[in-house]
């Protein structure tokens, strides 16, 4: 079974390498579009890696340096405890 898959892959690789030239012209508009698409794809992948991997790691490392726990906000307050506020007469509408 494994040898038949290997033979099929080798046949396709051989056919891809032996193929002749297409004698086709790629104009500057199509060429620049293809180059721009490849650059945009590489940029999108890099930005996705930065956003999904590097930024959370960077936040964890900065919290370790400052000594904050994961539940504290950057202002030193715990988000689980709401702040109490006095009600004044200005808050009550007549």
C-alpha atoms as a PDB file:
ATOM      1  CA  UNK A   1       0.000   0.000   0.000  1.00  0.00           C
ATOM      2  CA  UNK A   2       2.758   2.406   0.944  1.00  0.00           C
ATOM      3  CA  UNK A   3       4.758   1.657  -2.182  1.00  0.00           C
ATOM      4  CA  UNK A   4       1.819   2.473  -4.445  1.00  0.00           C
ATOM      5  CA  UNK A   5       1.437   5.922  -2.820  1.00  0.00           C
ATOM      6  CA  UNK A   6       5.150   6.522  -3.222  1.00  0.00           C
ATOM      7  CA  UNK A   7       5.033   5.513  -6.881  1.00  0.00           C
ATOM      8  CA  UNK A   8       2.084   7.834  -7.537  1.00  0.00           C
ATOM      9  CA  UNK A   9       3.863  10.775  -5.888  1.00  0.00           C
ATOM     10  CA  UNK A  10       7.051  10.094  -7.829  1.00  0.00           C
ATOM     11  CA  UNK A  11       5.134   9.903 -11.129  1.00  0.00           C
ATOM     12  CA  UNK A  12       3.463  13.273 -10.464  1.00  0.00           C
ATOM     13  CA  UNK A  13       6.796  14.852  -9.515  1.00  0.00           C
ATOM     14  CA  UNK A  14       8.429  13.466 -12.644  1.00  0.00           C
ATOM     15  CA  UNK A  15       5.606  14.797 -14.838  1.00  0.00           C
ATOM     16  CA  UNK A  16       5.880  18.222 -13.198  1.00  0.00           C
ATOM     17  CA  UNK A  17       9.622  18.366 -13.833  1.00  0.00           C
ATOM     18  CA  UNK A  18       9.446  17.146 -17.438  1.00  0.00           C
ATOM     19  CA  UNK A  19       6.700  19.520 -18.578  1.00  0.00           C
ATOM     20  CA  UNK A  20       7.526  21.823 -21.478  1.00  0.00           C
ATOM     21  CA  UNK A  21       7.399  25.583 -21.571  1.00  0.00           C
ATOM     22  CA  UNK A  22       4.044  27.288 -21.991  1.00  0.00           C
ATOM     23  CA  UNK A  23       5.226  30.008 -24.408  1.00  0.00           C
ATOM     24  CA  UNK A  24       2.982  32.471 -22.629  1.00  0.00           C
ATOM     25  CA  UNK A  25       3.507  36.147 -21.880  1.00  0.00           C
ATOM     26  CA  UNK A  26       2.864  37.557 -18.428  1.00  0.00           C
ATOM     27  CA  UNK A  27       2.446  41.297 -18.725  1.00  0.00           C
ATOM     28  CA  UNK A  28       3.611  43.806 -16.153  1.00  0.00           C
ATOM     29  CA  UNK A  29       0.110  44.255 -14.726  1.00  0.00           C
ATOM     30  CA  UNK A  30      -0.395  40.562 -14.022  1.00  0.00           C
ATOM     31  CA  UNK A  31       3.163  40.163 -12.760  1.00  0.00           C
ATOM     32  CA  UNK A  32       2.919  43.081 -10.338  1.00  0.00           C
ATOM     33  CA  UNK A  33      -0.469  41.842  -9.163  1.00  0.00           C
ATOM     34  CA  UNK A  34       0.977  38.409  -8.436  1.00  0.00           C
ATOM     35  CA  UNK A  35       3.956  39.901  -6.598  1.00  0.00           C
ATOM     36  CA  UNK A  36       1.693  42.211  -4.588  1.00  0.00           C
ATOM     37  CA  UNK A  37      -0.576  39.318  -3.671  1.00  0.00           C
ATOM     38  CA  UNK A  38       2.335  37.231  -2.413  1.00  0.00           C
ATOM     39  CA  UNK A  39       3.699  40.153  -0.366  1.00  0.00           C
ATOM     40  CA  UNK A  40       0.248  40.839   1.121  1.00  0.00           C
ATOM     41  CA  UNK A  41      -0.213  37.162   1.994  1.00  0.00           C
ATOM     42  CA  UNK A  42       3.163  36.991   3.732  1.00  0.00           C
ATOM     43  CA  UNK A  43       2.398  40.230   5.597  1.00  0.00           C
ATOM     44  CA  UNK A  44      -1.007  38.978   6.722  1.00  0.00           C
ATOM     45  CA  UNK A  45       0.495  35.744   8.028  1.00  0.00           C
ATOM     46  CA  UNK A  46       3.213  37.623   9.920  1.00  0.00           C
ATOM     47  CA  UNK A  47       0.726  40.043  11.461  1.00  0.00           C
ATOM     48  CA  UNK A  48      -1.536  37.158  12.472  1.00  0.00           C
ATOM     49  CA  UNK A  49       1.405  35.463  14.185  1.00  0.00           C
ATOM     50  CA  UNK A  50       2.297  38.675  15.980  1.00  0.00           C
ATOM     51  CA  UNK A  51      -1.288  39.277  17.063  1.00  0.00           C
ATOM     52  CA  UNK A  52      -2.129  35.767  18.194  1.00  0.00           C
ATOM     53  CA  UNK A  53       1.200  34.656  19.618  1.00  0.00           C
ATOM     54  CA  UNK A  54       3.547  37.518  20.437  1.00  0.00           C
ATOM     55  CA  UNK A  55       1.125  40.038  21.971  1.00  0.00           C
ATOM     56  CA  UNK A  56      -0.277  37.720  24.695  1.00  0.00           C
ATOM     57  CA  UNK A  57       3.242  36.514  25.505  1.00  0.00           C
ATOM     58  CA  UNK A  58       4.416  40.111  25.729  1.00  0.00           C
ATOM     59  CA  UNK A  59       1.569  40.956  28.129  1.00  0.00           C
ATOM     60  CA  UNK A  60       2.407  37.991  30.358  1.00  0.00           C
ATOM     61  CA  UNK A  61       6.083  38.927  30.430  1.00  0.00           C
ATOM     62  CA  UNK A  62       5.333  42.553  31.296  1.00  0.00           C
ATOM     63  CA  UNK A  63       3.044  41.437  34.136  1.00  0.00           C
ATOM     64  CA  UNK A  64       5.800  39.265  35.546  1.00  0.00           C
ATOM     65  CA  UNK A  65       8.204  42.223  35.495  1.00  0.00           C
ATOM     66  CA  UNK A  66       5.781  44.565  37.274  1.00  0.00           C
ATOM     67  CA  UNK A  67       4.640  41.922  39.765  1.00  0.00           C
ATOM     68  CA  UNK A  68       0.938  42.091  38.901  1.00  0.00           C
ATOM     69  CA  UNK A  69      -1.200  39.004  39.075  1.00  0.00           C
ATOM     70  CA  UNK A  70      -3.328  37.926  36.122  1.00  0.00           C
ATOM     71  CA  UNK A  71      -6.529  39.106  37.835  1.00  0.00           C
ATOM     72  CA  UNK A  72      -5.357  42.640  38.586  1.00  0.00           C
ATOM     73  CA  UNK A  73      -6.023  45.474  36.227  1.00  0.00           C
ATOM     74  CA  UNK A  74      -3.131  47.700  35.110  1.00  0.00           C
ATOM     75  CA  UNK A  75      -4.319  50.319  37.632  1.00  0.00           C
ATOM     76  CA  UNK A  76      -3.847  47.966  40.587  1.00  0.00           C
ATOM     77  CA  UNK A  77      -7.524  47.303  41.208  1.00  0.00           C
ATOM     78  CA  UNK A  78      -9.131  43.900  41.145  1.00  0.00           C
ATOM     79  CA  UNK A  79     -11.902  43.685  38.506  1.00  0.00           C
ATOM     80  CA  UNK A  80     -13.949  41.360  40.748  1.00  0.00           C
ATOM     81  CA  UNK A  81     -14.623  44.083  43.326  1.00  0.00           C
ATOM     82  CA  UNK A  82     -16.759  46.888  41.951  1.00  0.00           C
ATOM     83  CA  UNK A  83     -16.092  50.376  43.192  1.00  0.00           C
ATOM     84  CA  UNK A  84     -18.704  51.854  45.485  1.00  0.00           C
ATOM     85  CA  UNK A  85     -19.936  55.332  44.747  1.00  0.00           C
ATOM     86  CA  UNK A  86     -21.910  57.668  46.940  1.00  0.00           C
ATOM     87  CA  UNK A  87     -25.237  58.815  45.598  1.00  0.00           C
ATOM     88  CA  UNK A  88     -25.685  62.558  45.777  1.00  0.00           C
ATOM     89  CA  UNK A  89     -28.714  64.691  45.254  1.00  0.00           C
ATOM     90  CA  UNK A  90     -27.321  65.761  41.901  1.00  0.00           C
ATOM     91  CA  UNK A  91     -27.615  62.153  40.679  1.00  0.00           C
ATOM     92  CA  UNK A  92     -31.345  61.944  41.431  1.00  0.00           C
ATOM     93  CA  UNK A  93     -33.533  63.539  38.813  1.00  0.00           C
ATOM     94  CA  UNK A  94     -36.520  65.544  40.047  1.00  0.00           C
END
